[in-house]
């Protein structure tokens, strides 16, 4: 077991949140750490992992070369 020092404001918020969920402050902290760790695991680690997430983005609909040509023609 470790002791962690937090501000009074954060301690009060932690106490209130734990009371709403009917758990101890320690249990709530453990849940939040677990949830945060799971969120980090879901995040892409490499640019190539991220690229696949953009496949359905409206910004990438259409022929890339045609989009580029259209953008260049805007300056003419």
C-alpha atoms as a PDB file:
ATOM      1  CA  UNK A   1       0.000   0.000   0.000  1.00  0.00           C
ATOM      2  CA  UNK A   2       1.129   3.533  -0.774  1.00  0.00           C
ATOM      3  CA  UNK A   3       0.073   6.909   0.501  1.00  0.00           C
ATOM      4  CA  UNK A   4      -0.700   9.577  -2.085  1.00  0.00           C
ATOM      5  CA  UNK A   5      -1.051  13.249  -1.270  1.00  0.00           C
ATOM      6  CA  UNK A   6      -3.606  15.224  -3.235  1.00  0.00           C
ATOM      7  CA  UNK A   7      -5.158  18.637  -2.788  1.00  0.00           C
ATOM      8  CA  UNK A   8      -8.149  19.078  -0.528  1.00  0.00           C
ATOM      9  CA  UNK A   9     -10.265  19.965  -3.546  1.00  0.00           C
ATOM     10  CA  UNK A  10      -9.299  16.756  -5.374  1.00  0.00           C
ATOM     11  CA  UNK A  11      -9.846  14.738  -2.184  1.00  0.00           C
ATOM     12  CA  UNK A  12     -13.324  16.187  -1.785  1.00  0.00           C
ATOM     13  CA  UNK A  13     -14.186  15.410  -5.404  1.00  0.00           C
ATOM     14  CA  UNK A  14     -12.840  11.886  -5.013  1.00  0.00           C
ATOM     15  CA  UNK A  15     -14.896  11.384  -1.851  1.00  0.00           C
ATOM     16  CA  UNK A  16     -18.065  12.692  -3.550  1.00  0.00           C
ATOM     17  CA  UNK A  17     -17.582  10.543  -6.645  1.00  0.00           C
ATOM     18  CA  UNK A  18     -16.904   7.448  -4.551  1.00  0.00           C
ATOM     19  CA  UNK A  19     -20.020   8.098  -2.466  1.00  0.00           C
ATOM     20  CA  UNK A  20     -22.154   8.428  -5.623  1.00  0.00           C
ATOM     21  CA  UNK A  21     -20.864   5.070  -6.854  1.00  0.00           C
ATOM     22  CA  UNK A  22     -21.128   3.468  -3.390  1.00  0.00           C
ATOM     23  CA  UNK A  23     -17.465   2.435  -3.379  1.00  0.00           C
ATOM     24  CA  UNK A  24     -14.445   3.424  -1.343  1.00  0.00           C
ATOM     25  CA  UNK A  25     -12.071   6.087  -2.570  1.00  0.00           C
ATOM     26  CA  UNK A  26      -9.395   3.422  -3.014  1.00  0.00           C
ATOM     27  CA  UNK A  27     -11.722   1.310  -5.166  1.00  0.00           C
ATOM     28  CA  UNK A  28     -12.618   4.310  -7.299  1.00  0.00           C
ATOM     29  CA  UNK A  29      -8.958   5.167  -7.851  1.00  0.00           C
ATOM     30  CA  UNK A  30      -8.244   1.564  -8.863  1.00  0.00           C
ATOM     31  CA  UNK A  31     -11.161   1.629 -11.309  1.00  0.00           C
ATOM     32  CA  UNK A  32     -10.032   4.925 -12.811  1.00  0.00           C
ATOM     33  CA  UNK A  33      -6.467   3.669 -13.227  1.00  0.00           C
ATOM     34  CA  UNK A  34      -7.712   0.489 -14.908  1.00  0.00           C
ATOM     35  CA  UNK A  35     -10.009   2.480 -17.196  1.00  0.00           C
ATOM     36  CA  UNK A  36      -7.212   4.887 -18.109  1.00  0.00           C
ATOM     37  CA  UNK A  37      -4.836   2.016 -18.865  1.00  0.00           C
ATOM     38  CA  UNK A  38      -7.441   0.403 -21.141  1.00  0.00           C
ATOM     39  CA  UNK A  39      -7.922   3.702 -22.982  1.00  0.00           C
ATOM     40  CA  UNK A  40      -4.169   3.989 -23.524  1.00  0.00           C
ATOM     41  CA  UNK A  41      -4.042   0.470 -24.934  1.00  0.00           C
ATOM     42  CA  UNK A  42      -6.793   1.344 -27.431  1.00  0.00           C
ATOM     43  CA  UNK A  43      -4.880   4.354 -28.767  1.00  0.00           C
ATOM     44  CA  UNK A  44      -2.768   3.842 -31.872  1.00  0.00           C
ATOM     45  CA  UNK A  45       0.927   3.789 -31.159  1.00  0.00           C
ATOM     46  CA  UNK A  46       2.262   4.317 -34.669  1.00  0.00           C
ATOM     47  CA  UNK A  47       1.320   6.628 -37.488  1.00  0.00           C
ATOM     48  CA  UNK A  48       0.444   3.594 -39.588  1.00  0.00           C
ATOM     49  CA  UNK A  49      -2.030   2.475 -36.895  1.00  0.00           C
ATOM     50  CA  UNK A  50      -3.636   5.912 -36.954  1.00  0.00           C
ATOM     51  CA  UNK A  51      -3.908   6.065 -40.739  1.00  0.00           C
ATOM     52  CA  UNK A  52      -6.453   3.258 -40.856  1.00  0.00           C
ATOM     53  CA  UNK A  53      -8.774   5.216 -38.571  1.00  0.00           C
ATOM     54  CA  UNK A  54      -9.086   7.971 -41.174  1.00  0.00           C
ATOM     55  CA  UNK A  55     -10.278   5.746 -43.998  1.00  0.00           C
ATOM     56  CA  UNK A  56     -13.931   6.757 -43.556  1.00  0.00           C
ATOM     57  CA  UNK A  57     -13.183  10.435 -43.000  1.00  0.00           C
ATOM     58  CA  UNK A  58     -15.023  12.812 -45.372  1.00  0.00           C
ATOM     59  CA  UNK A  59     -11.716  14.550 -45.986  1.00  0.00           C
ATOM     60  CA  UNK A  60     -10.427  11.479 -47.808  1.00  0.00           C
ATOM     61  CA  UNK A  61     -13.397  10.801 -50.080  1.00  0.00           C
ATOM     62  CA  UNK A  62     -12.559  10.992 -53.758  1.00  0.00           C
ATOM     63  CA  UNK A  63      -9.468  10.669 -55.900  1.00  0.00           C
ATOM     64  CA  UNK A  64      -6.489  12.159 -54.025  1.00  0.00           C
ATOM     65  CA  UNK A  65      -4.825  13.379 -57.213  1.00  0.00           C
ATOM     66  CA  UNK A  66      -8.011  15.092 -58.365  1.00  0.00           C
ATOM     67  CA  UNK A  67      -8.428  16.763 -54.973  1.00  0.00           C
ATOM     68  CA  UNK A  68      -4.844  17.997 -55.146  1.00  0.00           C
ATOM     69  CA  UNK A  69      -5.341  19.322 -58.685  1.00  0.00           C
ATOM     70  CA  UNK A  70      -8.531  21.121 -57.649  1.00  0.00           C
ATOM     71  CA  UNK A  71      -6.737  22.738 -54.718  1.00  0.00           C
ATOM     72  CA  UNK A  72      -3.900  23.903 -56.954  1.00  0.00           C
ATOM     73  CA  UNK A  73      -6.334  25.292 -59.537  1.00  0.00           C
ATOM     74  CA  UNK A  74      -7.869  27.510 -56.849  1.00  0.00           C
ATOM     75  CA  UNK A  75      -4.788  29.733 -57.101  1.00  0.00           C
ATOM     76  CA  UNK A  76      -5.086  30.290 -60.858  1.00  0.00           C
END
